[in-house]
Each structure stands twice: as structure tokens, then as C-alpha cells.
């Protein structure tokens, strides 16, 4: 799955992700072009999961 596909998938699941991880906010799940890795870093801090694990979770959603 490439970056664009991950971003599209993320747009579909971010509401569910925020419900699953209560500390995740709208600011954490919003990203601009080129900021996907930064957003993953924020989610990594909030959830304690590795970026690759988060990418896998998003892709499997």
C-alpha cells in the first residue's frame, strides 16, 4: 500500500481510531500534504505503538 492509499484509507477510519484511542484528538488526526509521517509520529506518542504498526492497523481497517 503506497502513501496515497494509506492517506485515503486514513480518511475513512480516523473517526473510529479516535474512539479506540481516547487521547487522540482532531489535531492529531489531521494532516496536510507531506505531513502523514508527522501525523503518524503524533499517533505513535499518544498510543505507544510503532509507526509501522499504526500503518498496518490503518491498512487493515
N, C-alpha and C. Protein backbone atom coordinates (compact mmCIF):
# COMPACT_ATOMS: atom_id res chain seq x y z
N UNK A 1 0.86 -1.17 0.00
CA UNK A 1 0.00 0.00 0.00
C UNK A 1 0.91 1.24 0.00
N UNK A 2 0.67 2.15 -0.93
CA UNK A 2 1.51 3.34 -1.00
C UNK A 2 0.97 4.46 -0.11
N UNK A 3 1.70 5.55 -0.06
CA UNK A 3 1.37 6.68 0.81
C UNK A 3 -0.02 7.24 0.51
N UNK A 4 -0.37 7.41 -0.74
CA UNK A 4 -1.66 7.97 -1.12
C UNK A 4 -2.80 7.05 -0.69
N UNK A 5 -2.60 5.75 -0.87
CA UNK A 5 -3.62 4.80 -0.46
C UNK A 5 -3.80 4.80 1.05
N UNK A 6 -2.68 4.90 1.78
CA UNK A 6 -2.76 4.98 3.24
C UNK A 6 -3.51 6.22 3.69
N UNK A 7 -3.22 7.34 3.04
CA UNK A 7 -3.90 8.59 3.39
C UNK A 7 -5.39 8.48 3.12
N UNK A 8 -5.77 7.90 1.99
CA UNK A 8 -7.18 7.73 1.67
C UNK A 8 -7.87 6.82 2.66
N UNK A 9 -7.21 5.74 3.00
CA UNK A 9 -7.76 4.81 3.98
C UNK A 9 -7.90 5.51 5.33
N UNK A 10 -6.90 6.31 5.69
CA UNK A 10 -6.96 7.02 6.97
C UNK A 10 -8.17 7.92 7.03
N UNK A 11 -8.49 8.59 5.95
CA UNK A 11 -9.67 9.46 5.93
C UNK A 11 -10.94 8.66 6.22
N UNK A 12 -10.96 7.41 5.87
CA UNK A 12 -12.12 6.57 6.11
C UNK A 12 -12.23 6.11 7.56
N UNK A 13 -11.10 5.97 8.25
CA UNK A 13 -11.12 5.33 9.56
C UNK A 13 -10.77 6.24 10.74
N UNK A 14 -10.44 7.48 10.51
CA UNK A 14 -9.93 8.29 11.62
C UNK A 14 -10.95 8.49 12.74
N UNK A 15 -12.24 8.53 12.43
CA UNK A 15 -13.24 8.64 13.50
C UNK A 15 -13.23 7.43 14.41
N UNK A 16 -13.17 6.25 13.81
CA UNK A 16 -13.10 5.04 14.61
C UNK A 16 -11.81 4.98 15.42
N UNK A 17 -10.72 5.43 14.83
CA UNK A 17 -9.43 5.42 15.51
C UNK A 17 -9.46 6.35 16.73
N UNK A 18 -10.10 7.51 16.59
CA UNK A 18 -10.20 8.44 17.72
C UNK A 18 -11.03 7.83 18.84
N UNK A 19 -12.05 7.07 18.49
CA UNK A 19 -12.87 6.41 19.51
C UNK A 19 -12.07 5.32 20.22
N UNK A 20 -11.27 4.59 19.47
CA UNK A 20 -10.50 3.48 20.03
C UNK A 20 -9.40 3.99 20.96
N UNK A 21 -8.77 5.11 20.61
CA UNK A 21 -7.69 5.69 21.40
C UNK A 21 -8.15 7.06 21.90
N UNK A 22 -8.70 7.10 23.10
CA UNK A 22 -9.33 8.30 23.64
C UNK A 22 -8.44 9.53 23.69
N UNK A 23 -7.13 9.37 23.74
CA UNK A 23 -6.22 10.51 23.83
C UNK A 23 -5.99 11.18 22.48
N UNK A 24 -6.41 10.54 21.41
CA UNK A 24 -6.20 11.07 20.06
C UNK A 24 -7.24 12.15 19.78
N UNK A 25 -6.78 13.31 19.32
CA UNK A 25 -7.67 14.44 19.05
C UNK A 25 -7.79 14.70 17.55
N UNK A 26 -8.69 15.62 17.18
CA UNK A 26 -8.80 16.04 15.78
C UNK A 26 -7.47 16.58 15.27
N UNK A 27 -6.78 17.35 16.10
CA UNK A 27 -5.49 17.90 15.69
C UNK A 27 -4.49 16.79 15.38
N UNK A 28 -4.54 15.71 16.13
CA UNK A 28 -3.63 14.59 15.92
C UNK A 28 -3.92 13.85 14.62
N UNK A 29 -5.17 13.81 14.22
CA UNK A 29 -5.56 13.02 13.05
C UNK A 29 -5.65 13.83 11.77
N UNK A 30 -5.34 15.10 11.83
CA UNK A 30 -5.39 15.96 10.65
C UNK A 30 -3.99 16.12 10.09
N UNK A 31 -3.88 16.01 8.78
CA UNK A 31 -2.58 16.21 8.16
C UNK A 31 -2.73 16.88 6.82
N UNK A 32 -1.72 17.64 6.46
CA UNK A 32 -1.68 18.28 5.16
C UNK A 32 -0.77 17.45 4.26
N UNK A 33 -0.72 17.79 2.99
CA UNK A 33 0.16 17.08 2.07
C UNK A 33 1.57 17.04 2.64
N UNK A 34 2.16 15.87 2.62
CA UNK A 34 3.52 15.71 3.11
C UNK A 34 3.64 15.59 4.61
N UNK A 35 2.55 15.62 5.34
CA UNK A 35 2.60 15.60 6.79
C UNK A 35 2.13 14.26 7.38
N UNK A 36 1.95 13.24 6.55
CA UNK A 36 1.44 11.97 7.04
C UNK A 36 2.39 11.36 8.08
N UNK A 37 3.69 11.41 7.82
CA UNK A 37 4.65 10.86 8.79
C UNK A 37 4.62 11.61 10.10
N UNK A 38 4.44 12.92 10.02
CA UNK A 38 4.33 13.72 11.25
C UNK A 38 3.09 13.31 12.04
N UNK A 39 1.98 13.10 11.33
CA UNK A 39 0.76 12.68 11.99
C UNK A 39 0.96 11.31 12.63
N UNK A 40 1.63 10.40 11.92
CA UNK A 40 1.90 9.08 12.49
C UNK A 40 2.76 9.20 13.74
N UNK A 41 3.69 10.14 13.75
CA UNK A 41 4.51 10.37 14.94
C UNK A 41 3.68 10.81 16.13
N UNK A 42 2.73 11.68 15.89
CA UNK A 42 1.83 12.12 16.97
C UNK A 42 1.01 10.95 17.50
N UNK A 43 0.50 10.14 16.58
CA UNK A 43 -0.29 8.98 16.99
C UNK A 43 0.58 7.98 17.75
N UNK A 44 1.83 7.87 17.32
CA UNK A 44 2.76 6.97 18.00
C UNK A 44 2.96 7.41 19.44
N UNK A 45 3.12 8.69 19.65
CA UNK A 45 3.28 9.22 21.02
C UNK A 45 2.03 8.96 21.86
N UNK A 46 0.86 9.15 21.27
CA UNK A 46 -0.39 9.02 22.02
C UNK A 46 -0.77 7.56 22.31
N UNK A 47 -0.43 6.65 21.38
CA UNK A 47 -0.86 5.27 21.52
C UNK A 47 0.24 4.34 22.02
N UNK A 48 1.50 4.77 21.89
CA UNK A 48 2.61 3.91 22.28
C UNK A 48 2.92 2.84 21.25
N UNK A 49 2.34 2.93 20.07
CA UNK A 49 2.57 1.95 19.01
C UNK A 49 3.63 2.46 18.04
N UNK A 50 4.30 1.53 17.38
CA UNK A 50 5.29 1.87 16.36
C UNK A 50 4.58 2.37 15.11
N UNK A 51 5.27 3.21 14.32
CA UNK A 51 4.67 3.75 13.10
C UNK A 51 4.25 2.64 12.15
N UNK A 52 5.08 1.62 12.00
CA UNK A 52 4.73 0.52 11.11
C UNK A 52 3.49 -0.22 11.60
N UNK A 53 3.36 -0.36 12.90
CA UNK A 53 2.18 -1.00 13.47
C UNK A 53 0.93 -0.17 13.20
N UNK A 54 1.06 1.15 13.32
CA UNK A 54 -0.06 2.04 13.03
C UNK A 54 -0.45 1.97 11.55
N UNK A 55 0.56 1.98 10.68
CA UNK A 55 0.29 1.88 9.24
C UNK A 55 -0.44 0.58 8.93
N UNK A 56 -0.01 -0.50 9.56
CA UNK A 56 -0.65 -1.80 9.34
C UNK A 56 -2.09 -1.77 9.82
N UNK A 57 -2.31 -1.16 10.98
CA UNK A 57 -3.67 -1.07 11.53
C UNK A 57 -4.58 -0.27 10.61
N UNK A 58 -4.07 0.83 10.08
CA UNK A 58 -4.85 1.65 9.16
C UNK A 58 -5.16 0.85 7.89
N UNK A 59 -4.16 0.17 7.36
CA UNK A 59 -4.34 -0.59 6.13
C UNK A 59 -5.34 -1.72 6.29
N UNK A 60 -5.40 -2.32 7.48
CA UNK A 60 -6.29 -3.45 7.70
C UNK A 60 -7.70 -3.04 8.04
N UNK A 61 -7.92 -1.79 8.33
CA UNK A 61 -9.24 -1.32 8.76
C UNK A 61 -10.27 -1.52 7.72
